[in-house]
Amino acid sequence: MPEISVKDIKMVDLASQYQRLKSEIDGAMQKVIEETTFISGPAVKQFSTNLERYLNVNHVIPCANGTDALQIALMALPLTAGDEIITSAFTFIATAEVIALLGLKPVFVDVDPNTFNIDVECVKKAITQKTKVILPVHIFGQCSDMEAIMEIANENKLFVVEDTAQAIGAKYTFKNGDQKTAGTIGDIGTTSFFPSKNLGCFGDGGALMTNNIELASKSKEISNHGSKVRYYHDVVGINSRLDSLQAAILNEKLKHLDDFSSRRNTAASYYDKELGSVKELQIPSRAKNSTHVFHQYTLKVLNGKRDELKKHLEEKGIPAMVYYPVPLHQQNVFKSTMLAQKLPVSELLASQVLSLPMHTELTNDQLAYICSQIKDFFNK
């Protein structure tokens, strides 16, 4: 096996991806600089149109980041203080943070032990008279069970807001064969363009997507200080805009998004083949109705040695991350209001999961080195 320089292996290799796309990205950025249309310029409008076409959705509303996208989505719905929103306990805090910021109540439910996505049976049990929204998170790159979630929502007259920050480009197939893209199934979807995301810019960025013209108009208004016409404000809004330089970068990267997904799947297949027979590990499960775009490649370490494995890999120059070490219902910010809630799957996953390097620039030599070090750990 060729010698691998430890500096070559990164959790996310943005530098190498940039070098591969440098001429396209530099040209797009230079155009914005020469036009000096840094806010709400042509690049933003073009990106909105291009993403609408890619997602096959009627409306895309760019904004400043993925957290703002979630907040704007909830502000666009007819919700009042104290309304309950059911969401996953096993995700990044932004999903629940905006719920609390708006005076709404997050109701955390457990997740499927294999896909890590929200458990639809738990959703059913959590519904009360105060429930207004189901907010599934398409974790690590594949869709939640959206057909079941939409059926539950329709039966109970609930809104569905999709958190698609980790799964842009993933496809969900319904029982009748219809296929939709993550973020376009519920009433409104949200995503993030944080640099490490599958479609990432060079700073912060986000967007909302919907087929509902009223929600689209309201979201756009909210993101622009509650204004449809400059200096005239009809609702309380926020200042959340995707700047033109970031939009220009995203326009170029969007052209490559399917290739990005393919490269990530190739790396995931390599991991699967090499690590699938290691009895102390469980490789990622695929949801039966969703493609996977592998924002993360997340193992379950079954023998209680997750932290030891992580340390071993880091000593060998291989980064590895725990997403997420503390479920949301156990975070200090929510712990006092959760009344000692027990969510056993999320709690167990927090002690088992380990994400390996996953990005578009991984080489076979790097993958071979990573897998060999994992096997060595369990064979010693």
Protein backbone atom coordinates (compact mmCIF):
# COMPACT_ATOMS: atom_id res chain seq x y z
CA MET A 1 0.00 0.00 0.00
CA PRO A 2 1.41 3.45 -0.87
CA GLU A 3 2.51 5.56 2.08
CA ILE A 4 -0.23 7.99 3.08
CA SER A 5 0.64 11.41 4.43
CA VAL A 6 -1.59 12.08 7.42
CA LYS A 7 -2.06 15.67 6.32
CA ASP A 8 -3.80 14.38 3.19
CA ILE A 9 -6.77 12.90 5.06
CA LYS A 10 -9.40 15.42 6.09
CA MET A 11 -12.90 15.06 7.45
CA VAL A 12 -14.00 17.39 4.64
CA ASP A 13 -11.53 18.40 1.95
CA LEU A 14 -12.78 21.74 0.70
CA ALA A 15 -9.35 22.83 -0.53
CA SER A 16 -8.99 19.99 -3.03
CA GLN A 17 -12.55 20.42 -4.27
CA TYR A 18 -11.91 24.12 -4.81
CA GLN A 19 -8.74 23.41 -6.78
CA ARG A 20 -10.68 21.06 -9.05
CA LEU A 21 -13.37 23.69 -9.70
CA LYS A 22 -11.14 26.75 -9.35
CA SER A 23 -11.52 28.27 -12.80
CA GLU A 24 -15.33 28.07 -12.72
CA ILE A 25 -15.67 29.43 -9.20
CA ASP A 26 -13.09 32.19 -9.63
CA GLY A 27 -14.74 33.34 -12.82
CA ALA A 28 -18.17 33.49 -11.20
CA MET A 29 -16.85 35.43 -8.21
CA GLN A 30 -14.93 37.86 -10.41
CA LYS A 31 -18.09 38.64 -12.36
CA VAL A 32 -19.91 39.64 -9.15
CA ILE A 33 -16.97 41.78 -8.06
CA GLU A 34 -16.89 43.58 -11.39
CA GLU A 35 -20.66 44.13 -11.34
CA THR A 36 -20.51 45.25 -7.67
CA THR A 37 -23.96 43.76 -7.11
CA PHE A 38 -23.12 42.22 -3.76
CA ILE A 39 -26.63 42.06 -2.27
CA SER A 40 -29.64 40.63 -4.15
CA GLY A 41 -27.77 40.76 -7.42
CA PRO A 42 -28.35 38.73 -10.59
CA ALA A 43 -26.37 35.77 -9.21
CA VAL A 44 -28.88 35.33 -6.37
CA LYS A 45 -31.86 35.40 -8.72
CA GLN A 46 -30.11 32.98 -11.08
CA PHE A 47 -29.26 30.59 -8.28
CA SER A 48 -32.85 30.62 -7.05
CA THR A 49 -34.05 29.72 -10.54
CA ASN A 50 -31.40 27.05 -11.02
CA LEU A 51 -32.15 25.39 -7.68
CA GLU A 52 -35.89 25.45 -8.45
CA ARG A 53 -35.16 23.54 -11.65
CA TYR A 54 -32.83 21.09 -9.93
CA LEU A 55 -35.28 20.33 -7.13
CA ASN A 56 -38.35 20.49 -9.41
CA VAL A 57 -40.04 22.88 -6.99
CA ASN A 58 -41.98 26.05 -7.72
CA HIS A 59 -40.27 28.43 -5.30
CA VAL A 60 -36.80 28.74 -3.74
CA ILE A 61 -36.16 31.61 -1.32
CA PRO A 62 -32.44 32.08 -0.57
CA CYS A 63 -31.46 33.36 2.87
CA ALA A 64 -28.41 33.90 5.06
CA ASN A 65 -28.05 30.44 6.64
CA GLY A 66 -29.83 27.19 7.40
CA THR A 67 -30.88 28.22 10.90
CA ASP A 68 -32.56 31.34 9.51
CA ALA A 69 -34.29 29.16 6.92
CA LEU A 70 -35.86 27.09 9.71
CA GLN A 71 -36.88 30.20 11.62
CA ILE A 72 -38.39 31.87 8.56
CA ALA A 73 -40.33 28.70 7.72
CA LEU A 74 -41.91 28.59 11.17
CA MET A 75 -42.60 32.34 11.14
CA ALA A 76 -44.43 31.90 7.83
CA LEU A 77 -46.88 29.42 9.35
CA PRO A 78 -49.95 30.43 11.40
CA LEU A 79 -48.47 29.47 14.77
CA THR A 80 -48.88 30.99 18.22
CA ALA A 81 -46.83 30.81 21.41
CA GLY A 82 -47.07 27.42 23.08
CA ASP A 83 -47.86 25.47 19.92
CA GLU A 84 -46.02 22.17 19.81
CA ILE A 85 -43.63 21.03 17.11
CA ILE A 86 -42.58 17.38 16.96
CA THR A 87 -39.00 16.82 15.90
CA SER A 88 -36.05 14.49 16.26
CA ALA A 89 -33.93 14.35 19.41
CA PHE A 90 -30.94 13.10 17.43
CA THR A 91 -29.76 16.09 15.41
CA PHE A 92 -27.96 19.43 15.62
CA ILE A 93 -29.46 21.95 18.00
CA ALA A 94 -30.44 24.49 15.30
CA THR A 95 -33.57 22.47 14.53
CA ALA A 96 -34.91 22.92 18.05
CA GLU A 97 -33.26 26.25 18.77
CA VAL A 98 -35.50 28.19 16.42
CA ILE A 99 -38.61 26.52 17.86
CA ALA A 100 -37.73 27.77 21.34
CA LEU A 101 -36.69 31.21 20.09
CA LEU A 102 -40.17 31.72 18.63
CA GLY A 103 -41.91 30.80 21.89
CA LEU A 104 -43.03 27.46 20.50
CA LYS A 105 -42.53 24.12 22.24
CA PRO A 106 -40.18 21.47 20.85
CA VAL A 107 -41.46 17.95 21.43
CA PHE A 108 -38.57 15.52 21.01
CA VAL A 109 -39.18 11.99 19.80
CA ASP A 110 -36.90 9.04 19.24
CA VAL A 111 -35.38 7.88 15.98
CA ASP A 112 -35.11 4.68 13.99
CA PRO A 113 -32.05 2.75 15.28
CA ASN A 114 -30.89 1.93 11.75
CA THR A 115 -31.52 5.03 9.60
CA PHE A 116 -31.27 7.52 12.54
CA ASN A 117 -34.26 9.38 11.09
CA ILE A 118 -37.37 10.26 13.08
CA ASP A 119 -39.46 7.24 14.14
CA VAL A 120 -42.97 7.63 12.71
CA GLU A 121 -44.54 5.48 15.44
CA CYS A 122 -43.08 7.83 18.04
CA VAL A 123 -44.46 10.78 16.10
CA LYS A 124 -47.97 9.32 16.28
CA LYS A 125 -47.75 8.88 20.05
CA ALA A 126 -46.48 12.44 20.59
CA ILE A 127 -49.41 14.23 18.93
CA THR A 128 -51.60 16.33 21.24
CA GLN A 129 -54.22 19.01 20.75
CA LYS A 130 -51.41 21.57 20.77
CA THR A 131 -49.40 19.89 18.01
CA LYS A 132 -49.18 22.02 14.88
CA VAL A 133 -46.05 20.92 13.00
CA ILE A 134 -43.99 17.80 12.31
CA LEU A 135 -40.37 18.74 11.60
CA PRO A 136 -38.43 15.72 10.32
CA VAL A 137 -34.66 15.99 9.90
CA HIS A 138 -33.22 14.07 6.94
CA ILE A 139 -30.15 13.09 8.90
CA PHE A 140 -26.76 12.24 7.39
CA GLY A 141 -28.05 12.26 3.79
CA GLN A 142 -31.24 10.26 3.36
CA CYS A 143 -34.92 11.11 3.64
CA SER A 144 -37.12 10.33 6.59
CA ASP A 145 -40.17 8.15 5.92
CA MET A 146 -42.01 11.02 4.27
CA GLU A 147 -44.99 9.07 2.95
CA ALA A 148 -45.90 7.96 6.46
CA ILE A 149 -45.19 11.42 7.87
CA MET A 150 -47.43 13.11 5.29
CA GLU A 151 -50.22 10.63 6.03
CA ILE A 152 -49.98 11.40 9.75
CA ALA A 153 -49.92 15.14 9.03
CA ASN A 154 -52.94 14.99 6.73
CA GLU A 155 -54.95 12.91 9.19
CA ASN A 156 -54.24 15.37 12.00
CA LYS A 157 -54.24 18.61 9.96
CA LEU A 158 -50.60 19.36 10.74
CA PHE A 159 -47.94 21.24 8.79
CA VAL A 160 -44.73 19.51 7.73
CA VAL A 161 -41.43 21.42 7.63
CA GLU A 162 -38.46 19.43 6.28
CA ASP A 163 -34.95 20.05 7.58
CA THR A 164 -32.92 19.12 4.50
CA ALA A 165 -29.58 20.61 5.56
CA GLN A 166 -27.82 17.24 5.25
CA ALA A 167 -29.73 15.66 2.38
CA ILE A 168 -29.96 18.06 -0.55
CA GLY A 169 -30.31 16.02 -3.73
CA ALA A 170 -31.65 12.89 -2.03
CA LYS A 171 -34.69 11.38 -3.75
CA TYR A 172 -37.72 9.86 -2.01
CA THR A 173 -39.88 7.31 -3.83
CA PHE A 174 -43.53 6.85 -2.87
CA LYS A 175 -45.35 3.51 -3.01
CA ASN A 176 -47.04 4.52 -6.28
CA GLY A 177 -43.66 5.15 -7.90
CA ASP A 178 -43.77 8.95 -7.69
CA GLN A 179 -40.42 10.47 -6.78
CA LYS A 180 -39.69 13.79 -5.10
CA THR A 181 -36.53 15.47 -3.90
CA ALA A 182 -35.79 16.02 -0.21
CA GLY A 183 -37.25 19.32 0.94
CA THR A 184 -40.06 19.42 -1.64
CA ILE A 185 -42.48 16.95 -0.04
CA GLY A 186 -43.85 18.80 2.99
CA ASP A 187 -45.40 22.25 3.14
CA ILE A 188 -41.99 23.85 3.17
CA GLY A 189 -38.38 22.67 3.19
CA THR A 190 -35.19 24.26 4.45
CA THR A 191 -31.52 23.73 3.77
CA SER A 192 -28.07 25.04 4.63
CA PHE A 193 -25.14 25.91 2.38
CA PHE A 194 -22.57 25.86 5.19
CA PRO A 195 -19.19 25.15 3.56
CA SER A 196 -19.04 21.50 4.66
CA LYS A 197 -22.50 20.67 3.31
CA ASN A 198 -22.88 18.63 0.12
CA LEU A 199 -23.74 21.89 -1.67
CA GLY A 200 -21.69 24.40 0.27
CA CYS A 201 -20.61 27.98 -0.31
CA PHE A 202 -17.59 29.85 1.07
CA GLY A 203 -19.41 31.26 4.09
CA ASP A 204 -22.95 31.01 5.43
CA GLY A 205 -25.98 30.49 3.26
CA GLY A 206 -29.37 28.82 3.26
CA ALA A 207 -32.67 28.53 1.44
CA LEU A 208 -36.31 27.58 1.74
CA MET A 209 -38.24 25.64 -0.90
CA THR A 210 -41.98 25.20 -1.36
CA ASN A 211 -44.71 24.64 -3.93
CA ASN A 212 -47.09 26.86 -1.95
CA ILE A 213 -47.13 30.37 -3.41
CA GLU A 214 -48.53 31.92 -0.21
CA LEU A 215 -45.80 30.38 1.95
CA ALA A 216 -43.19 31.44 -0.60
CA SER A 217 -44.41 35.04 -0.60
CA LYS A 218 -44.60 35.16 3.20
CA SER A 219 -41.12 33.65 3.57
CA LYS A 220 -39.60 36.12 1.14
CA GLU A 221 -41.31 38.99 2.97
CA ILE A 222 -40.10 37.80 6.39
CA SER A 223 -36.52 37.38 5.18
CA ASN A 224 -36.52 41.02 3.99
CA HIS A 225 -37.44 42.85 7.22
CA GLY A 226 -41.13 41.96 6.75
CA SER A 227 -41.25 44.06 3.60
CA LYS A 228 -42.61 43.46 0.11
CA VAL A 229 -42.09 47.07 -0.99
CA ARG A 230 -39.01 48.93 0.20
CA TYR A 231 -39.60 50.95 3.38
CA TYR A 232 -43.13 49.54 3.81
CA HIS A 233 -43.34 46.81 6.47
CA ASP A 234 -46.43 44.71 7.03
CA VAL A 235 -45.10 42.02 9.41
CA VAL A 236 -42.20 41.61 11.81
CA GLY A 237 -39.38 40.05 9.84
CA ILE A 238 -35.66 39.50 9.96
CA ASN A 239 -32.68 40.47 7.80
CA SER A 240 -31.58 37.25 6.14
CA ARG A 241 -30.12 37.41 2.66
CA LEU A 242 -27.82 35.18 0.63
CA ASP A 243 -25.14 37.50 -0.73
CA SER A 244 -24.26 37.52 -4.40
CA LEU A 245 -20.74 36.11 -4.03
CA GLN A 246 -22.07 33.05 -2.22
CA ALA A 247 -24.83 32.65 -4.81
CA ALA A 248 -22.25 32.78 -7.62
CA ILE A 249 -20.24 30.01 -5.96
CA LEU A 250 -23.37 27.92 -5.42
CA ASN A 251 -24.43 28.39 -9.04
CA GLU A 252 -21.20 26.74 -10.16
CA LYS A 253 -21.25 24.00 -7.53
CA LEU A 254 -24.89 23.15 -8.27
CA LYS A 255 -23.81 22.03 -11.75
CA HIS A 256 -21.69 19.36 -10.04
CA LEU A 257 -24.07 18.30 -7.26
CA ASP A 258 -25.04 14.98 -8.86
CA ASP A 259 -21.36 14.22 -9.36
CA PHE A 260 -20.69 15.15 -5.74
CA SER A 261 -23.37 12.67 -4.65
CA SER A 262 -21.92 9.99 -6.92
CA ARG A 263 -18.42 10.48 -5.51
CA ARG A 264 -19.73 10.27 -1.96
CA ASN A 265 -21.62 7.07 -2.78
CA THR A 266 -18.47 5.58 -4.30
CA ALA A 267 -16.57 6.27 -1.09
CA ALA A 268 -19.47 4.88 0.98
CA SER A 269 -19.50 1.68 -1.08
CA TYR A 270 -15.77 1.27 -0.45
CA TYR A 271 -16.32 1.63 3.29
CA ASP A 272 -19.25 -0.80 3.14
CA LYS A 273 -17.22 -3.46 1.38
CA GLU A 274 -14.20 -3.20 3.67
CA LEU A 275 -15.98 -2.69 6.99
CA GLY A 276 -19.21 -4.64 6.53
CA SER A 277 -17.65 -7.84 7.88
CA VAL A 278 -16.23 -6.26 11.05
CA LYS A 279 -18.52 -7.71 13.70
CA GLU A 280 -17.97 -4.86 16.15
CA LEU A 281 -19.37 -2.35 13.64
CA GLN A 282 -22.68 -1.67 11.97
CA ILE A 283 -22.30 0.13 8.65
CA PRO A 284 -24.92 2.72 7.64
CA SER A 285 -28.35 1.38 6.75
CA ARG A 286 -30.17 2.63 3.68
CA ALA A 287 -33.77 3.76 3.99
CA LYS A 288 -35.93 1.62 1.72
CA ASN A 289 -37.62 4.55 -0.04
CA SER A 290 -34.75 7.05 -0.24
CA THR A 291 -31.49 7.49 -2.04
CA HIS A 292 -28.52 8.45 0.14
CA VAL A 293 -26.21 11.39 -0.58
CA PHE A 294 -23.88 10.62 2.36
CA HIS A 295 -23.38 13.95 4.00
CA GLN A 296 -21.86 11.75 6.68
CA TYR A 297 -20.75 8.11 6.71
CA THR A 298 -21.74 7.13 10.23
CA LEU A 299 -20.89 3.80 11.82
CA LYS A 300 -22.26 2.29 14.99
CA VAL A 301 -19.49 0.89 17.19
CA LEU A 302 -21.17 -1.96 19.04
CA ASN A 303 -18.60 -3.07 21.60
CA GLY A 304 -18.44 0.04 23.78
CA LYS A 305 -15.07 1.07 22.35
CA ARG A 306 -16.22 3.98 20.19
CA ASP A 307 -14.08 6.55 21.98
CA GLU A 308 -11.04 4.24 21.94
CA LEU A 309 -11.46 3.74 18.18
CA LYS A 310 -11.76 7.48 17.65
CA LYS A 311 -8.56 8.08 19.60
CA HIS A 312 -6.76 5.33 17.68
CA LEU A 313 -7.75 6.85 14.34
CA GLU A 314 -6.70 10.33 15.37
CA GLU A 315 -3.30 8.97 16.47
CA LYS A 316 -2.94 7.57 12.96
CA GLY A 317 -3.77 10.92 11.36
CA ILE A 318 -7.39 10.05 10.55
CA PRO A 319 -10.06 12.50 11.70
CA ALA A 320 -13.34 11.10 13.01
CA MET A 321 -16.31 12.88 14.55
CA VAL A 322 -19.20 12.08 16.86
CA TYR A 323 -22.47 13.43 15.47
CA TYR A 324 -24.05 13.83 18.05
CA PRO A 325 -22.68 13.19 21.57
CA VAL A 326 -25.72 14.52 23.47
CA PRO A 327 -29.33 14.15 22.24
CA LEU A 328 -31.36 17.34 22.30
CA HIS A 329 -33.64 16.28 25.16
CA GLN A 330 -30.54 15.89 27.36
CA GLN A 331 -28.93 19.22 26.44
CA ASN A 332 -28.76 21.61 29.40
CA VAL A 333 -30.81 24.20 27.56
CA PHE A 334 -33.78 21.82 27.29
CA LYS A 335 -33.13 19.34 30.10
CA SER A 336 -35.13 21.18 32.76
CA THR A 337 -38.27 21.25 30.60
CA MET A 338 -38.13 17.66 29.37
CA LEU A 339 -39.14 16.14 32.73
CA ALA A 340 -36.47 13.42 32.64
CA GLN A 341 -37.72 12.24 29.25
CA LYS A 342 -36.22 8.94 28.15
CA LEU A 343 -35.48 8.35 24.48
CA PRO A 344 -33.46 5.11 24.57
CA VAL A 345 -32.50 4.87 20.90
CA SER A 346 -31.14 8.41 20.70
CA GLU A 347 -29.31 7.96 23.99
CA LEU A 348 -27.72 4.70 22.83
CA LEU A 349 -26.73 6.15 19.47
CA ALA A 350 -24.98 9.04 21.21
CA SER A 351 -22.63 6.49 22.75
CA GLN A 352 -22.15 4.43 19.57
CA VAL A 353 -21.96 6.62 16.47
CA LEU A 354 -18.73 7.57 14.75
CA SER A 355 -18.49 9.40 11.44
CA LEU A 356 -15.56 8.73 9.13
CA PRO A 357 -14.03 11.13 6.58
CA MET A 358 -16.58 11.73 3.82
CA HIS A 359 -16.21 14.15 0.94
CA THR A 360 -15.90 14.32 -2.82
CA GLU A 361 -12.11 14.13 -3.00
CA LEU A 362 -11.37 10.89 -1.11
CA THR A 363 -8.94 8.62 -2.96
CA ASN A 364 -8.83 4.83 -2.91
CA ASP A 365 -5.45 5.00 -1.18
CA GLN A 366 -6.90 7.16 1.57
CA LEU A 367 -9.95 4.92 1.95
CA ALA A 368 -7.74 1.82 2.08
CA TYR A 369 -5.58 3.38 4.81
CA ILE A 370 -8.61 4.39 6.88
CA CYS A 371 -10.18 0.95 6.64
CA SER A 372 -6.90 -0.84 7.40
CA GLN A 373 -6.45 1.20 10.58
CA ILE A 374 -9.99 0.40 11.71
CA LYS A 375 -9.43 -3.31 11.12
CA ASP A 376 -6.09 -3.18 12.91
CA PHE A 377 -7.80 -1.66 15.96
CA PHE A 378 -10.25 -4.54 16.24
CA ASN A 379 -7.67 -7.23 15.45
CA LYS A 380 -5.09 -6.20 18.04
